[in-house]
């Protein structure tokens, strides 16, 4: 059944790939996910699931097995997020500044190592940066499924790295798209922060948390 489905969509997918637009539906759905997530809307996880399914299907059609595996992981977390969110109600989880610094420090150290290795291998640098972004997206998606308020910090970080990575190789349109995602991430953080303040009567930063 899967082989028949892939044969049916193979021609249009390859046409989209040649024009560089095959990822547009996944990107649009990803942007919709972040927007709905910022508005604390459970339908965000439907958008995330669609983006993951489209991405994985395209990668399978092109025999990009590693990328398809990332998409399947995203899909699994999206399904979990859709199932888990109702049990959280309107409450948000928060971390201390020290907890965030530990995760961010570890992530930036890994990123630095991958960049150094990538420069040593010259043409492989973009592959390592994309691999880091894929892994970081898994972490950010999981933290979002837990309604961790500071998860937006990780989305902003991922988007910022994506902007520079795409601009570095001259893919300016993708860099602009990632920049838009960064702005949505900032909007999401501010909106969740305001909702948290309304529920708790004080600013989160006053407690040394993010």
N, C-alpha and C. Protein backbone atom coordinates (compact mmCIF):
# COMPACT_ATOMS: atom_id res chain seq x y z
N UNK A 1 0.83 -1.20 0.00
CA UNK A 1 0.00 0.00 0.00
C UNK A 1 0.88 1.26 0.00
N UNK A 2 1.91 1.27 0.84
CA UNK A 2 2.81 2.42 0.91
C UNK A 2 3.53 2.64 -0.40
N UNK A 3 3.98 1.54 -1.06
CA UNK A 3 4.69 1.69 -2.34
C UNK A 3 3.77 2.28 -3.41
N UNK A 4 2.49 1.85 -3.43
CA UNK A 4 1.55 2.40 -4.39
C UNK A 4 1.32 3.89 -4.15
N UNK A 5 1.23 4.27 -2.86
CA UNK A 5 1.03 5.67 -2.52
C UNK A 5 2.22 6.51 -2.96
N UNK A 6 3.43 5.99 -2.71
CA UNK A 6 4.63 6.72 -3.10
C UNK A 6 4.74 6.85 -4.61
N UNK A 7 4.34 5.79 -5.35
CA UNK A 7 4.36 5.87 -6.80
C UNK A 7 3.37 6.91 -7.31
N UNK A 8 2.24 7.03 -6.64
CA UNK A 8 1.21 7.97 -7.06
C UNK A 8 1.67 9.41 -6.89
N UNK A 9 2.41 9.68 -5.80
CA UNK A 9 2.81 11.06 -5.54
C UNK A 9 4.23 11.35 -6.00
N UNK A 10 4.92 10.34 -6.55
CA UNK A 10 6.33 10.50 -6.89
C UNK A 10 6.55 11.62 -7.90
N UNK A 11 5.78 11.63 -9.00
CA UNK A 11 5.99 12.62 -10.07
C UNK A 11 5.79 14.06 -9.58
N UNK A 12 4.65 14.36 -8.93
CA UNK A 12 4.49 15.75 -8.45
C UNK A 12 5.52 16.15 -7.40
N UNK A 13 5.94 15.19 -6.57
CA UNK A 13 6.94 15.52 -5.55
C UNK A 13 8.27 15.86 -6.19
N UNK A 14 8.64 15.10 -7.22
CA UNK A 14 9.91 15.37 -7.88
C UNK A 14 9.86 16.71 -8.63
N UNK A 15 8.70 17.05 -9.15
CA UNK A 15 8.56 18.34 -9.80
C UNK A 15 8.72 19.47 -8.78
N UNK A 16 8.09 19.29 -7.63
CA UNK A 16 8.23 20.29 -6.58
C UNK A 16 9.67 20.40 -6.10
N UNK A 17 10.35 19.24 -6.03
CA UNK A 17 11.74 19.24 -5.59
C UNK A 17 12.62 20.02 -6.56
N UNK A 18 12.39 19.84 -7.85
CA UNK A 18 13.18 20.52 -8.87
C UNK A 18 12.99 22.03 -8.81
N UNK A 19 11.82 22.47 -8.44
CA UNK A 19 11.55 23.91 -8.35
C UNK A 19 11.87 24.47 -6.97
N UNK A 20 12.29 23.60 -6.07
CA UNK A 20 12.67 24.06 -4.73
C UNK A 20 11.49 24.40 -3.85
N UNK A 21 10.28 23.98 -4.22
CA UNK A 21 9.08 24.38 -3.47
C UNK A 21 8.38 23.22 -2.79
N UNK A 22 9.01 22.04 -2.79
CA UNK A 22 8.33 20.87 -2.23
C UNK A 22 8.09 20.98 -0.73
N UNK A 23 8.89 21.83 -0.07
CA UNK A 23 8.75 21.96 1.38
C UNK A 23 7.73 23.01 1.79
N UNK A 24 7.17 23.75 0.82
CA UNK A 24 6.27 24.85 1.16
C UNK A 24 5.11 24.42 2.07
N UNK A 25 4.38 23.34 1.75
CA UNK A 25 3.27 22.95 2.66
C UNK A 25 3.74 22.65 4.08
N UNK A 26 4.89 21.99 4.21
CA UNK A 26 5.40 21.67 5.54
C UNK A 26 5.80 22.93 6.29
N UNK A 27 6.43 23.88 5.57
CA UNK A 27 6.86 25.13 6.19
C UNK A 27 5.65 25.96 6.63
N UNK A 28 4.64 26.05 5.76
CA UNK A 28 3.43 26.80 6.11
C UNK A 28 2.73 26.19 7.31
N UNK A 29 2.64 24.85 7.33
CA UNK A 29 2.02 24.18 8.46
C UNK A 29 2.84 24.38 9.73
N UNK A 30 4.17 24.41 9.58
CA UNK A 30 5.03 24.65 10.74
C UNK A 30 4.83 26.05 11.30
N UNK A 31 4.69 27.03 10.40
CA UNK A 31 4.41 28.39 10.85
C UNK A 31 3.06 28.49 11.53
N UNK A 32 2.06 27.80 10.97
CA UNK A 32 0.72 27.78 11.58
C UNK A 32 0.78 27.13 12.96
N UNK A 33 1.58 26.08 13.09
CA UNK A 33 1.75 25.42 14.40
C UNK A 33 2.23 26.41 15.45
N UNK A 34 3.30 27.16 15.11
CA UNK A 34 3.84 28.11 16.08
C UNK A 34 2.85 29.21 16.42
N UNK A 35 2.10 29.67 15.42
CA UNK A 35 1.12 30.73 15.66
C UNK A 35 0.00 30.24 16.58
N UNK A 36 -0.53 29.05 16.30
CA UNK A 36 -1.59 28.50 17.14
C UNK A 36 -1.06 28.16 18.53
N UNK A 37 0.18 27.69 18.58
CA UNK A 37 0.80 27.39 19.87
C UNK A 37 0.89 28.65 20.71
N UNK A 38 1.28 29.75 20.08
CA UNK A 38 1.39 31.02 20.79
C UNK A 38 0.05 31.45 21.37
N UNK A 39 -1.02 31.08 20.69
CA UNK A 39 -2.37 31.44 21.14
C UNK A 39 -2.97 30.36 22.05
N UNK A 40 -2.11 29.42 22.45
CA UNK A 40 -2.53 28.38 23.39
C UNK A 40 -3.70 27.57 22.86
N UNK A 41 -3.65 27.27 21.56
CA UNK A 41 -4.73 26.56 20.87
C UNK A 41 -4.30 25.13 20.60
N UNK A 42 -5.07 24.18 21.08
CA UNK A 42 -4.70 22.77 20.93
C UNK A 42 -4.62 22.33 19.46
N UNK A 43 -5.30 23.06 18.56
CA UNK A 43 -5.24 22.71 17.14
C UNK A 43 -3.84 22.87 16.58
N UNK A 44 -2.96 23.51 17.33
CA UNK A 44 -1.57 23.64 16.90
C UNK A 44 -0.97 22.27 16.61
N UNK A 45 -1.37 21.28 17.38
CA UNK A 45 -0.76 19.95 17.23
C UNK A 45 -1.25 19.26 15.96
N UNK A 46 -2.43 19.63 15.46
CA UNK A 46 -2.87 19.12 14.16
C UNK A 46 -1.98 19.68 13.05
N UNK A 47 -1.65 20.97 13.16
CA UNK A 47 -0.77 21.59 12.18
C UNK A 47 0.62 20.96 12.23
N UNK A 48 1.10 20.68 13.44
CA UNK A 48 2.41 20.05 13.58
C UNK A 48 2.41 18.65 12.98
N UNK A 49 1.31 17.92 13.19
CA UNK A 49 1.21 16.56 12.64
C UNK A 49 1.20 16.58 11.12
N UNK A 50 0.43 17.52 10.53
CA UNK A 50 0.40 17.62 9.08
C UNK A 50 1.78 17.95 8.52
N UNK A 51 2.45 18.91 9.14
CA UNK A 51 3.79 19.29 8.70
C UNK A 51 4.74 18.09 8.75
N UNK A 52 4.66 17.32 9.82
CA UNK A 52 5.53 16.15 9.98
C UNK A 52 5.23 15.08 8.94
N UNK A 53 3.95 14.83 8.70
CA UNK A 53 3.56 13.81 7.72
C UNK A 53 4.01 14.21 6.32
N UNK A 54 3.78 15.46 5.95
CA UNK A 54 4.19 15.93 4.62
C UNK A 54 5.70 15.83 4.46
N UNK A 55 6.43 16.29 5.47
CA UNK A 55 7.88 16.27 5.44
C UNK A 55 8.41 14.83 5.31
N UNK A 56 7.88 13.93 6.12
CA UNK A 56 8.33 12.55 6.09
C UNK A 56 8.00 11.88 4.75
N UNK A 57 6.79 12.14 4.23
CA UNK A 57 6.39 11.55 2.96
C UNK A 57 7.28 11.99 1.82
N UNK A 58 7.61 13.28 1.79
CA UNK A 58 8.51 13.79 0.74
C UNK A 58 9.90 13.17 0.86
N UNK A 59 10.40 13.09 2.08
CA UNK A 59 11.74 12.53 2.29
C UNK A 59 11.79 11.06 1.89
N UNK A 60 10.73 10.31 2.18
CA UNK A 60 10.68 8.90 1.78
C UNK A 60 10.67 8.77 0.26
N UNK A 61 9.95 9.68 -0.41
CA UNK A 61 9.88 9.64 -1.87
C UNK A 61 11.25 9.90 -2.50
N UNK A 62 12.09 10.69 -1.81
CA UNK A 62 13.42 11.01 -2.32
C UNK A 62 14.50 10.10 -1.74
N UNK A 63 14.07 9.09 -0.94
CA UNK A 63 15.01 8.16 -0.30
C UNK A 63 15.92 8.88 0.71
N UNK A 64 15.40 9.92 1.33
CA UNK A 64 16.13 10.61 2.39
C UNK A 64 15.69 10.01 3.72
N UNK A 65 16.24 8.89 4.07
CA UNK A 65 15.73 8.10 5.19
C UNK A 65 15.99 8.77 6.54
N UNK A 66 17.14 9.41 6.69
CA UNK A 66 17.45 10.05 7.98
C UNK A 66 16.49 11.20 8.25
N UNK A 67 16.28 12.04 7.21
CA UNK A 67 15.36 13.16 7.37
C UNK A 67 13.93 12.67 7.63
N UNK A 68 13.55 11.58 6.96
CA UNK A 68 12.22 11.02 7.17
C UNK A 68 12.05 10.54 8.61
N UNK A 69 13.13 10.00 9.17
CA UNK A 69 13.08 9.55 10.56
C UNK A 69 12.83 10.71 11.52
N UNK A 70 13.48 11.85 11.25
CA UNK A 70 13.22 13.03 12.08
C UNK A 70 11.75 13.41 12.01
N UNK A 71 11.17 13.38 10.80
CA UNK A 71 9.76 13.71 10.64
C UNK A 71 8.86 12.79 11.42
N UNK A 72 9.20 11.51 11.47
CA UNK A 72 8.40 10.54 12.23
C UNK A 72 8.47 10.83 13.72
N UNK A 73 9.66 11.23 14.19
CA UNK A 73 9.81 11.61 15.60
C UNK A 73 8.95 12.83 15.90
N UNK A 74 8.98 13.84 15.00
CA UNK A 74 8.14 15.03 15.19
C UNK A 74 6.66 14.64 15.26
N UNK A 75 6.26 13.71 14.38
CA UNK A 75 4.87 13.28 14.36
C UNK A 75 4.47 12.63 15.68
N UNK A 76 5.35 11.78 16.21
CA UNK A 76 5.06 11.13 17.49
C UNK A 76 4.88 12.13 18.61
N UNK A 77 5.74 13.15 18.67
CA UNK A 77 5.62 14.17 19.71
C UNK A 77 4.36 15.00 19.50
N UNK A 78 4.01 15.26 18.23
CA UNK A 78 2.80 16.03 17.93
C UNK A 78 1.55 15.30 18.43
N UNK A 79 1.50 14.00 18.19
CA UNK A 79 0.36 13.21 18.67
C UNK A 79 0.30 13.22 20.19
N UNK A 80 1.48 13.08 20.82
CA UNK A 80 1.53 13.13 22.28
C UNK A 80 1.09 14.49 22.78
N UNK A 81 1.55 15.58 22.14
CA UNK A 81 1.17 16.92 22.56
C UNK A 81 -0.33 17.13 22.48
N UNK A 82 -0.94 16.66 21.39
CA UNK A 82 -2.39 16.78 21.24
C UNK A 82 -3.13 16.03 22.34
N UNK A 83 -2.61 14.86 22.72
CA UNK A 83 -3.24 14.04 23.76
C UNK A 83 -2.99 14.62 25.16
N UNK A 84 -1.80 15.17 25.39
CA UNK A 84 -1.38 15.57 26.73
C UNK A 84 -1.86 16.96 27.12
N UNK A 85 -1.99 17.86 26.16
CA UNK A 85 -2.31 19.25 26.48
C UNK A 85 -3.59 19.45 27.29
N UNK A 86 -4.70 18.76 26.98
CA UNK A 86 -5.93 18.98 27.76
C UNK A 86 -5.75 18.74 29.25
N UNK A 87 -4.86 17.81 29.61
CA UNK A 87 -4.66 17.51 31.03
C UNK A 87 -3.91 18.63 31.75
N UNK A 88 -3.28 19.52 31.00
CA UNK A 88 -2.52 20.61 31.61
C UNK A 88 -3.37 21.84 31.89
N UNK A 89 -4.55 21.90 31.27
CA UNK A 89 -5.41 23.07 31.46
C UNK A 89 -4.76 24.33 30.94
N UNK A 90 -4.91 25.43 31.67
CA UNK A 90 -4.33 26.71 31.25
C UNK A 90 -3.02 27.01 31.97
N UNK A 91 -2.54 26.07 32.73
CA UNK A 91 -1.31 26.30 33.49
C UNK A 91 -0.07 26.10 32.62
N UNK A 92 1.01 26.77 33.00
CA UNK A 92 2.28 26.63 32.31
C UNK A 92 3.33 26.12 33.30
N UNK A 93 4.25 25.34 32.78
CA UNK A 93 5.40 24.96 33.58
C UNK A 93 6.48 26.01 33.41
N UNK A 94 7.29 26.21 34.44
CA UNK A 94 8.38 27.18 34.37
C UNK A 94 9.65 26.54 34.92
N UNK A 95 10.78 27.01 34.40
CA UNK A 95 12.09 26.57 34.87
C UNK A 95 12.83 27.75 35.47
N UNK A 96 13.78 27.43 36.33
CA UNK A 96 14.65 28.48 36.86
C UNK A 96 15.66 28.89 35.79
N UNK A 97 16.26 30.04 35.99
CA UNK A 97 17.28 30.52 35.07
C UNK A 97 18.44 29.53 34.97
N UNK A 98 18.80 28.91 36.10
CA UNK A 98 19.90 27.95 36.11
C UNK A 98 19.59 26.73 35.24
N UNK A 99 18.34 26.25 35.29
CA UNK A 99 17.96 25.11 34.46
C UNK A 99 18.05 25.44 32.98
N UNK A 100 17.60 26.62 32.60
CA UNK A 100 17.68 27.03 31.21
C UNK A 100 19.13 27.18 30.76
N UNK A 101 19.94 27.78 31.62
CA UNK A 101 21.34 27.98 31.27
C UNK A 101 22.06 26.64 31.07
N UNK A 102 21.68 25.64 31.87
CA UNK A 102 22.29 24.32 31.73
C UNK A 102 21.95 23.71 30.37
N UNK A 103 20.67 23.78 29.98
CA UNK A 103 20.25 23.22 28.69
C UNK A 103 20.81 24.01 27.54
N UNK A 104 20.74 25.35 27.63
CA UNK A 104 21.24 26.19 26.54
C UNK A 104 22.75 26.07 26.41
N UNK A 105 23.45 26.02 27.54
CA UNK A 105 24.90 25.88 27.49
C UNK A 105 25.32 24.58 26.85
N UNK A 106 24.64 23.49 27.21
CA UNK A 106 24.95 22.19 26.61
C UNK A 106 24.67 22.21 25.11
N UNK A 107 23.53 22.83 24.74
CA UNK A 107 23.17 22.89 23.33
C UNK A 107 24.14 23.72 22.52
N UNK A 108 24.56 24.87 23.05
CA UNK A 108 25.50 25.73 22.32
C UNK A 108 26.88 25.07 22.22
N UNK A 109 27.27 24.32 23.23
CA UNK A 109 28.53 23.60 23.18
C UNK A 109 28.49 22.55 22.07
N UNK A 110 27.39 21.81 21.99
CA UNK A 110 27.23 20.82 20.92
C UNK A 110 27.25 21.51 19.56
N UNK A 111 26.58 22.65 19.45
CA UNK A 111 26.55 23.38 18.18
C UNK A 111 27.96 23.81 17.78
N UNK A 112 28.74 24.32 18.73
CA UNK A 112 30.11 24.75 18.44
C UNK A 112 30.97 23.59 17.95
N UNK A 113 30.80 22.44 18.59
CA UNK A 113 31.56 21.25 18.18
C UNK A 113 31.21 20.84 16.76
N UNK A 114 29.91 20.84 16.44
CA UNK A 114 29.46 20.45 15.11
C UNK A 114 29.95 21.43 14.04
N UNK A 115 29.96 22.72 14.36
CA UNK A 115 30.46 23.72 13.41
C UNK A 115 31.95 23.52 13.16
N UNK A 116 32.71 23.27 14.22
CA UNK A 116 34.15 23.05 14.07
C UNK A 116 34.42 21.83 13.20
N UNK A 117 33.69 20.74 13.48
CA UNK A 117 33.84 19.52 12.68
C UNK A 117 33.43 19.78 11.23
N UNK A 118 32.35 20.53 11.06
CA UNK A 118 31.87 20.84 9.72
C UNK A 118 32.88 21.64 8.92
N UNK A 119 33.55 22.61 9.58
CA UNK A 119 34.57 23.40 8.88
C UNK A 119 35.76 22.54 8.50
N UNK A 120 36.09 21.57 9.34
CA UNK A 120 37.19 20.67 9.02
C UNK A 120 36.88 19.84 7.78
N UNK A 121 35.60 19.51 7.62
CA UNK A 121 35.17 18.70 6.48
C UNK A 121 34.64 19.57 5.33
N UNK A 122 34.78 20.90 5.50
CA UNK A 122 34.43 21.87 4.47
C UNK A 122 32.95 21.78 4.08
N UNK A 123 32.63 21.04 3.02
CA UNK A 123 31.27 21.01 2.49
C UNK A 123 30.26 20.41 3.45
N UNK A 124 30.72 19.76 4.51
CA UNK A 124 29.80 19.07 5.42
C UNK A 124 29.23 19.98 6.48
N UNK A 125 29.66 21.25 6.54
CA UNK A 125 29.23 22.10 7.64
C UNK A 125 27.72 22.27 7.68
N UNK A 126 27.10 22.49 6.50
CA UNK A 126 25.65 22.70 6.49
C UNK A 126 24.91 21.45 6.95
N UNK A 127 25.44 20.27 6.62
CA UNK A 127 24.82 19.02 7.07
C UNK A 127 24.81 18.95 8.59
N UNK A 128 25.92 19.31 9.21
CA UNK A 128 26.00 19.24 10.67
C UNK A 128 25.11 20.29 11.33
N UNK A 129 25.05 21.47 10.74
CA UNK A 129 24.17 22.51 11.29
C UNK A 129 22.71 22.08 11.19
N UNK A 130 22.32 21.51 10.04
CA UNK A 130 20.94 21.03 9.88
C UNK A 130 20.64 19.90 10.85
N UNK A 131 21.63 19.04 11.08
CA UNK A 131 21.43 17.95 12.03
C UNK A 131 21.20 18.50 13.44
N UNK A 132 21.95 19.54 13.79
CA UNK A 132 21.77 20.17 15.10
C UNK A 132 20.38 20.79 15.21
N UNK A 133 19.95 21.50 14.15
CA UNK A 133 18.63 22.13 14.17
C UNK A 133 17.54 21.07 14.31
N UNK A 134 17.70 19.94 13.62
CA UNK A 134 16.70 18.86 13.70
C UNK A 134 16.61 18.33 15.12
N UNK A 135 17.77 18.11 15.74
CA UNK A 135 17.78 17.60 17.12
C UNK A 135 17.21 18.64 18.08
N UNK A 136 17.59 19.90 17.89
CA UNK A 136 17.09 20.96 18.78
C UNK A 136 15.59 21.13 18.63
N UNK A 137 15.06 20.92 17.40
CA UNK A 137 13.62 21.03 17.18
C UNK A 137 12.86 19.94 17.93
N UNK A 138 13.46 18.75 18.03
CA UNK A 138 12.84 17.68 18.80
C UNK A 138 12.73 18.10 20.27
N UNK A 139 13.81 18.66 20.80
CA UNK A 139 13.81 19.11 22.20
C UNK A 139 12.77 20.21 22.41
N UNK A 140 12.76 21.21 21.51
CA UNK A 140 11.82 22.32 21.65
C UNK A 140 10.38 21.84 21.53
N UNK A 141 10.13 20.90 20.60
CA UNK A 141 8.77 20.39 20.43
C UNK A 141 8.32 19.63 21.68
N UNK A 142 9.22 18.86 22.26
CA UNK A 142 8.89 18.12 23.48
C UNK A 142 8.59 19.07 24.64
N UNK A 143 9.42 20.11 24.79
CA UNK A 143 9.20 21.08 25.86
C UNK A 143 7.88 21.82 25.66
N UNK A 144 7.52 22.08 24.39
CA UNK A 144 6.24 22.72 24.10
C UNK A 144 5.08 21.81 24.48
N UNK A 145 5.26 20.51 24.28
CA UNK A 145 4.20 19.57 24.64
C UNK A 145 3.98 19.53 26.14
N UNK A 146 4.98 19.97 26.91
CA UNK A 146 4.85 20.05 28.37
C UNK A 146 4.38 21.42 28.83
N UNK A 147 4.08 22.31 27.88
CA UNK A 147 3.70 23.70 28.16
C UNK A 147 4.73 24.41 29.03
N UNK A 148 6.00 24.17 28.70
CA UNK A 148 7.07 24.89 29.38
C UNK A 148 7.14 26.29 28.78
N UNK A 149 6.91 27.30 29.60
CA UNK A 149 6.85 28.66 29.10
C UNK A 149 8.13 29.05 28.37
N UNK A 150 9.24 28.64 28.90
CA UNK A 150 10.53 28.98 28.30
C UNK A 150 10.87 28.21 27.05
N UNK A 151 9.98 27.32 26.60
CA UNK A 151 10.26 26.57 25.37
C UNK A 151 10.40 27.50 24.17
N UNK A 152 9.77 28.69 24.27
CA UNK A 152 9.87 29.66 23.18
C UNK A 152 11.29 30.15 23.00
N UNK A 153 12.06 30.16 24.06
CA UNK A 153 13.46 30.56 23.94
C UNK A 153 14.20 29.64 22.98
N UNK A 154 13.87 28.36 23.04
CA UNK A 154 14.53 27.37 22.18
C UNK A 154 14.08 27.51 20.73
N UNK A 155 12.78 27.82 20.52
CA UNK A 155 12.32 28.06 19.15
C UNK A 155 13.01 29.28 18.55
N UNK A 156 13.17 30.32 19.36
CA UNK A 156 13.86 31.52 18.87
C UNK A 156 15.31 31.21 18.54
N UNK A 157 15.97 30.43 19.40
CA UNK A 157 17.36 30.05 19.16
C UNK A 157 17.50 29.23 17.89
N UNK A 158 16.61 28.26 17.70
CA UNK A 158 16.64 27.42 16.49
C UNK A 158 16.45 28.28 15.25
N UNK A 159 15.47 29.18 15.30
CA UNK A 159 15.21 30.05 14.16
C UNK A 159 16.39 30.95 13.85
N UNK A 160 17.03 31.49 14.87
CA UNK A 160 18.19 32.36 14.68
C UNK A 160 19.34 31.62 14.01
N UNK A 161 19.62 30.42 14.49
CA UNK A 161 20.67 29.61 13.87
C UNK A 161 20.30 29.30 12.43
N UNK A 162 19.01 29.01 12.19
CA UNK A 162 18.56 28.71 10.83
C UNK A 162 18.74 29.90 9.90
N UNK A 163 18.50 31.11 10.40
CA UNK A 163 18.68 32.32 9.58
C UNK A 163 20.12 32.41 9.10
N UNK A 164 21.07 32.28 10.02
CA UNK A 164 22.48 32.42 9.66
C UNK A 164 22.95 31.25 8.79
N UNK A 165 22.45 30.04 9.06
CA UNK A 165 22.86 28.87 8.28
C UNK A 165 22.43 29.00 6.83
N UNK A 166 21.19 29.41 6.61
CA UNK A 166 20.69 29.55 5.24
C UNK A 166 21.32 30.76 4.54
N UNK A 167 21.52 31.85 5.26
CA UNK A 167 22.15 33.02 4.66
C UNK A 167 23.60 32.71 4.28
N UNK A 168 24.26 31.86 5.07
CA UNK A 168 25.66 31.50 4.84
C UNK A 168 25.85 30.84 3.48
N UNK A 169 24.86 30.05 3.05
CA UNK A 169 24.97 29.35 1.76
C UNK A 169 24.19 30.07 0.66
N UNK A 170 23.70 31.28 0.95
CA UNK A 170 23.02 32.06 -0.06
C UNK A 170 21.56 31.72 -0.27
N UNK A 171 20.97 30.94 0.65
CA UNK A 171 19.56 30.59 0.54
C UNK A 171 18.75 31.64 1.31
N UNK A 172 18.62 32.82 0.70
CA UNK A 172 18.09 33.97 1.42
C UNK A 172 16.58 33.87 1.66
N UNK A 173 15.86 33.22 0.76
CA UNK A 173 14.42 33.08 0.97
C UNK A 173 14.15 32.25 2.22
N UNK A 174 14.87 31.15 2.38
CA UNK A 174 14.71 30.32 3.58
C UNK A 174 15.14 31.08 4.82
N UNK A 175 16.16 31.93 4.69
CA UNK A 175 16.61 32.74 5.82
C UNK A 175 15.51 33.70 6.26
N UNK A 176 14.80 34.28 5.29
CA UNK A 176 13.69 35.18 5.61
C UNK A 176 12.57 34.43 6.33
N UNK A 177 12.27 33.21 5.85
CA UNK A 177 11.23 32.39 6.48
C UNK A 177 11.60 32.09 7.92
N UNK A 178 12.86 31.72 8.14
CA UNK A 178 13.31 31.43 9.51
C UNK A 178 13.24 32.68 10.38
N UNK A 179 13.51 33.85 9.79
CA UNK A 179 13.43 35.10 10.55
C UNK A 179 12.00 35.36 11.00
N UNK A 180 11.04 35.06 10.12
CA UNK A 180 9.63 35.20 10.48
C UNK A 180 9.29 34.29 11.65
N UNK A 181 9.83 33.06 11.62
CA UNK A 181 9.60 32.12 12.72
C UNK A 181 10.18 32.67 14.03
N UNK A 182 11.31 33.36 13.93
CA UNK A 182 11.91 33.96 15.13
C UNK A 182 10.96 34.98 15.74
N UNK A 183 10.38 35.83 14.90
CA UNK A 183 9.43 36.84 15.39
C UNK A 183 8.20 36.18 16.01
N UNK A 184 7.71 35.10 15.39
CA UNK A 184 6.57 34.38 15.96
C UNK A 184 6.95 33.79 17.32
N UNK A 185 8.19 33.30 17.42
CA UNK A 185 8.66 32.76 18.69
C UNK A 185 8.69 33.81 19.79
N UNK A 186 9.16 35.00 19.45
CA UNK A 186 9.17 36.11 20.42
C UNK A 186 7.74 36.47 20.83
N UNK A 187 6.85 36.52 19.83
CA UNK A 187 5.44 36.81 20.11
C UNK A 187 4.85 35.76 21.04
N UNK A 188 5.15 34.49 20.78
CA UNK A 188 4.64 33.40 21.60
C UNK A 188 5.11 33.50 23.04
N UNK A 189 6.40 33.83 23.22
CA UNK A 189 6.94 33.95 24.57
C UNK A 189 6.25 35.10 25.33
N UNK A 190 6.10 36.24 24.66
CA UNK A 190 5.47 37.39 25.31
C UNK A 190 4.02 37.08 25.67
N UNK A 191 3.32 36.42 24.76
CA UNK A 191 1.90 36.11 25.01
C UNK A 191 1.75 35.13 26.17
N UNK A 192 2.56 34.07 26.20
CA UNK A 192 2.48 33.11 27.30
C UNK A 192 2.88 33.77 28.61
N UNK A 193 3.87 34.67 28.54
CA UNK A 193 4.32 35.37 29.74
C UNK A 193 3.20 36.21 30.32
N UNK A 194 2.44 36.89 29.47
CA UNK A 194 1.32 37.70 29.93
C UNK A 194 0.22 36.84 30.53
N UNK A 195 -0.05 35.68 29.91
CA UNK A 195 -1.07 34.78 30.45
C UNK A 195 -0.65 34.25 31.82
N UNK A 196 0.64 33.95 31.97
CA UNK A 196 1.13 33.45 33.25
C UNK A 196 0.99 34.54 34.33
N UNK A 197 1.31 35.79 33.96
CA UNK A 197 1.21 36.89 34.92
C UNK A 197 -0.23 37.10 35.35
N UNK A 198 -1.18 37.00 34.41
CA UNK A 198 -2.59 37.16 34.74
C UNK A 198 -3.06 36.09 35.73
N UNK A 199 -2.53 34.88 35.59
CA UNK A 199 -2.95 33.78 36.46
C UNK A 199 -2.28 33.80 37.82
N UNK A 200 -1.05 34.36 37.90
CA UNK A 200 -0.27 34.27 39.12
C UNK A 200 -0.08 35.61 39.83
N UNK A 201 -0.46 36.70 39.17
CA UNK A 201 -0.44 37.99 39.84
C UNK A 201 0.93 38.62 39.99
N UNK A 202 1.97 38.06 39.41
CA UNK A 202 3.30 38.66 39.48
C UNK A 202 4.08 38.28 38.22
N UNK A 203 5.11 39.06 37.95
CA UNK A 203 5.91 38.81 36.77
C UNK A 203 6.83 37.62 37.02
N UNK A 204 6.93 36.76 36.02
CA UNK A 204 7.74 35.55 36.17
C UNK A 204 9.19 35.87 36.45
N UNK A 205 9.72 36.91 35.81
CA UNK A 205 11.13 37.24 35.98
C UNK A 205 11.45 37.64 37.41
N UNK A 206 10.44 38.14 38.13
CA UNK A 206 10.67 38.56 39.53
C UNK A 206 11.01 37.35 40.39
N UNK A 207 10.67 36.17 39.92
CA UNK A 207 10.95 34.94 40.67
C UNK A 207 12.23 34.27 40.19
N UNK A 208 12.94 34.93 39.26
CA UNK A 208 14.18 34.35 38.74
C UNK A 208 13.94 33.17 37.81
N UNK A 209 12.77 33.19 37.14
CA UNK A 209 12.43 32.11 36.24
C UNK A 209 12.14 32.67 34.85
N UNK A 210 12.16 31.75 33.84
CA UNK A 210 11.94 32.17 32.46
C UNK A 210 10.82 31.35 31.83
